[in-house]
Amino acid sequence: MPEGALPAPNLPNAPDLPGLTGAPLIAPPSPGTPQAALPPAVPERVKPDWMPRQSATLDVLFKADGAVSRVTAAVGDRLTEGTLRIRVGACVVRPPDMPPDAAVYLSVRRNDSGHELFRGWLIRSEPGAAVVGDAAVTFRLIGCS
């Protein structure tokens, strides 16, 4: 994700996720901000837009032979697929009273150089929004559990 870019709408900021650090992507109000300018507090009875889960399931496509494998990784885990090293930062789902969907926060690096190829959210309902992979391997989110 480019420096200063925001995560997908209604998804947690990366610094709020376990094991991820950094400055907030949306700056908090300054101490001198009048109270009238602040958004109203969210009532306790309102359900969150996304609920955290413990693991992500991804389909991995190996382009050389068209083989597909399914892998599951716990939040915080790192896994290696082909030439890529993938870290799962978070996996979230919609509450039962909303249309089903899942999203995963990933960091993808090349094994050989350590160069970061991707860092951000993949949303199951919008697989074309972010193509993740390289010339040999791509993957997509199947779900969170």
Protein backbone atom coordinates (compact mmCIF):
# COMPACT_ATOMS: atom_id res chain seq x y z
CA MET A 1 0.00 0.00 0.00
CA PRO A 2 1.48 3.41 -0.90
CA GLU A 3 2.65 5.59 1.96
CA GLY A 4 -0.26 7.55 3.43
CA ALA A 5 -2.92 5.42 1.68
CA LEU A 6 -5.99 4.41 3.60
CA PRO A 7 -7.15 0.83 4.13
CA ALA A 8 -10.40 -0.34 2.57
CA PRO A 9 -13.50 1.45 3.91
CA ASN A 10 -14.84 0.24 7.25
CA LEU A 11 -11.85 -2.05 7.85
CA PRO A 12 -9.57 -1.61 10.88
CA ASN A 13 -6.47 0.54 10.47
CA ALA A 14 -3.30 -1.55 10.15
CA PRO A 15 -1.76 -0.15 13.39
CA ASP A 16 -4.79 -1.46 15.32
CA LEU A 17 -4.10 -5.02 14.19
CA PRO A 18 -2.15 -7.48 16.33
CA GLY A 19 1.54 -7.51 15.52
CA LEU A 20 1.44 -4.59 13.09
CA THR A 21 2.94 -1.26 14.05
CA GLY A 22 3.23 2.19 12.59
CA ALA A 23 1.61 5.58 12.67
CA PRO A 24 -2.17 5.72 12.40
CA LEU A 25 -3.37 5.94 8.82
CA ILE A 26 -6.05 8.42 9.87
CA ALA A 27 -4.75 11.15 12.17
CA PRO A 28 -6.61 11.53 15.49
CA PRO A 29 -8.09 14.94 16.28
CA SER A 30 -5.67 17.40 17.82
CA PRO A 31 -6.13 18.30 21.50
CA GLY A 32 -7.48 21.75 20.54
CA THR A 33 -10.28 20.32 18.36
CA PRO A 34 -13.69 21.56 19.54
CA GLN A 35 -15.95 18.76 20.78
CA ALA A 36 -18.64 19.72 18.26
CA ALA A 37 -16.29 18.68 15.43
CA LEU A 38 -15.80 15.16 16.80
CA PRO A 39 -18.07 12.35 15.55
CA PRO A 40 -20.66 11.15 18.05
CA ALA A 41 -19.78 8.14 20.18
CA VAL A 42 -20.97 4.81 18.79
CA PRO A 43 -23.63 3.29 21.07
CA GLU A 44 -22.64 -0.01 22.69
CA ARG A 45 -25.62 -1.81 21.12
CA VAL A 46 -24.37 -1.16 17.55
CA LYS A 47 -22.62 -4.20 16.09
CA PRO A 48 -19.22 -3.76 14.43
CA ASP A 49 -18.98 -3.87 10.64
CA TRP A 50 -16.29 -6.60 10.81
CA MET A 51 -15.58 -9.33 13.35
CA PRO A 52 -12.03 -10.71 13.86
CA ARG A 53 -11.24 -14.37 13.19
CA GLN A 54 -8.20 -16.50 14.01
CA SER A 55 -7.09 -17.75 10.58
CA ALA A 56 -7.26 -17.11 6.84
CA THR A 57 -7.74 -19.64 4.06
CA LEU A 58 -6.14 -18.79 0.71
CA ASP A 59 -6.13 -20.50 -2.68
CA VAL A 60 -2.68 -20.45 -4.27
CA LEU A 61 -2.38 -20.71 -8.07
CA PHE A 62 0.95 -21.93 -9.46
CA LYS A 63 1.00 -20.44 -12.95
CA ALA A 64 3.59 -22.79 -14.47
CA ASP A 65 1.33 -25.84 -14.29
CA GLY A 66 -2.06 -24.40 -13.26
CA ALA A 67 -2.04 -26.30 -9.97
CA VAL A 68 -4.08 -24.82 -7.13
CA SER A 69 -3.48 -25.55 -3.48
CA ARG A 70 -5.43 -24.37 -0.45
CA VAL A 71 -3.54 -23.15 2.60
CA THR A 72 -4.73 -21.99 6.00
CA ALA A 73 -2.61 -19.70 8.17
CA ALA A 74 -3.30 -18.33 11.62
CA VAL A 75 -3.29 -14.57 12.11
CA GLY A 76 0.33 -13.60 12.79
CA ASP A 77 1.74 -16.59 10.89
CA ARG A 78 4.15 -16.42 7.99
CA LEU A 79 4.10 -18.90 5.15
CA THR A 80 6.12 -19.40 1.99
CA GLU A 81 4.50 -20.21 -1.35
CA GLY A 82 6.74 -20.41 -4.40
CA THR A 83 8.89 -17.29 -4.47
CA LEU A 84 6.71 -15.38 -1.99
CA ARG A 85 6.70 -14.95 1.78
CA ILE A 86 3.24 -14.08 3.11
CA ARG A 87 2.34 -12.71 6.56
CA VAL A 88 -1.29 -12.74 7.71
CA GLY A 89 -1.92 -9.62 9.81
CA ALA A 90 -5.67 -9.99 10.35
CA CYS A 91 -8.71 -11.81 9.05
CA VAL A 92 -12.21 -10.41 9.55
CA VAL A 93 -15.76 -11.38 8.54
CA ARG A 94 -19.11 -9.60 8.41
CA PRO A 95 -21.59 -10.18 11.27
CA PRO A 96 -24.33 -12.75 10.58
CA ASP A 97 -26.99 -10.06 10.04
CA MET A 98 -25.03 -8.56 7.10
CA PRO A 99 -24.24 -9.94 3.64
CA PRO A 100 -21.44 -12.53 3.97
CA ASP A 101 -17.92 -11.34 3.23
CA ALA A 102 -14.36 -11.73 4.49
CA ALA A 103 -11.20 -9.64 4.33
CA VAL A 104 -7.56 -10.41 5.12
CA TYR A 105 -4.68 -8.00 5.80
CA LEU A 106 -1.51 -9.36 4.17
CA SER A 107 2.10 -8.46 3.70
CA VAL A 108 3.73 -10.17 0.70
CA ARG A 109 7.50 -10.15 0.12
CA ARG A 110 9.82 -11.83 -2.36
CA ASN A 111 11.97 -14.58 -0.81
CA ASP A 112 15.13 -13.67 -2.71
CA SER A 113 15.24 -9.90 -2.18
CA GLY A 114 12.87 -9.30 0.72
CA HIS A 115 11.23 -6.60 -1.43
CA GLU A 116 7.63 -5.94 -0.34
CA LEU A 117 5.21 -6.54 -3.23
CA PHE A 118 1.96 -5.90 -1.40
CA ARG A 119 0.67 -4.77 1.98
CA GLY A 120 -3.04 -4.23 2.46
CA TRP A 121 -6.50 -5.75 2.51
CA LEU A 122 -7.83 -8.43 0.19
CA ILE A 123 -11.63 -8.54 0.21
CA ARG A 124 -13.29 -11.78 -0.82
CA SER A 125 -16.21 -10.10 -2.57
CA GLU A 126 -13.82 -7.98 -4.69
CA PRO A 127 -11.00 -10.29 -5.83
CA GLY A 128 -10.07 -8.05 -8.74
CA ALA A 129 -9.47 -5.01 -6.52
CA ALA A 130 -5.99 -6.25 -5.61
CA VAL A 131 -3.99 -8.74 -7.62
CA VAL A 132 -1.54 -10.38 -5.25
CA GLY A 133 1.33 -12.48 -6.43
CA ASP A 134 4.13 -12.46 -8.95
CA ALA A 135 4.93 -14.07 -12.30
CA ALA A 136 4.92 -17.57 -10.78
CA VAL A 137 2.29 -17.52 -8.01
CA THR A 138 -0.96 -15.66 -7.26
CA PHE A 139 -3.49 -16.18 -4.54
CA ARG A 140 -6.96 -15.16 -3.39
CA LEU A 141 -8.89 -15.15 -0.16
CA ILE A 142 -11.35 -17.99 0.37
CA GLY A 143 -12.44 -17.08 3.90
CA CYS A 144 -11.66 -16.61 7.57
CA SER A 145 -12.32 -18.97 10.45
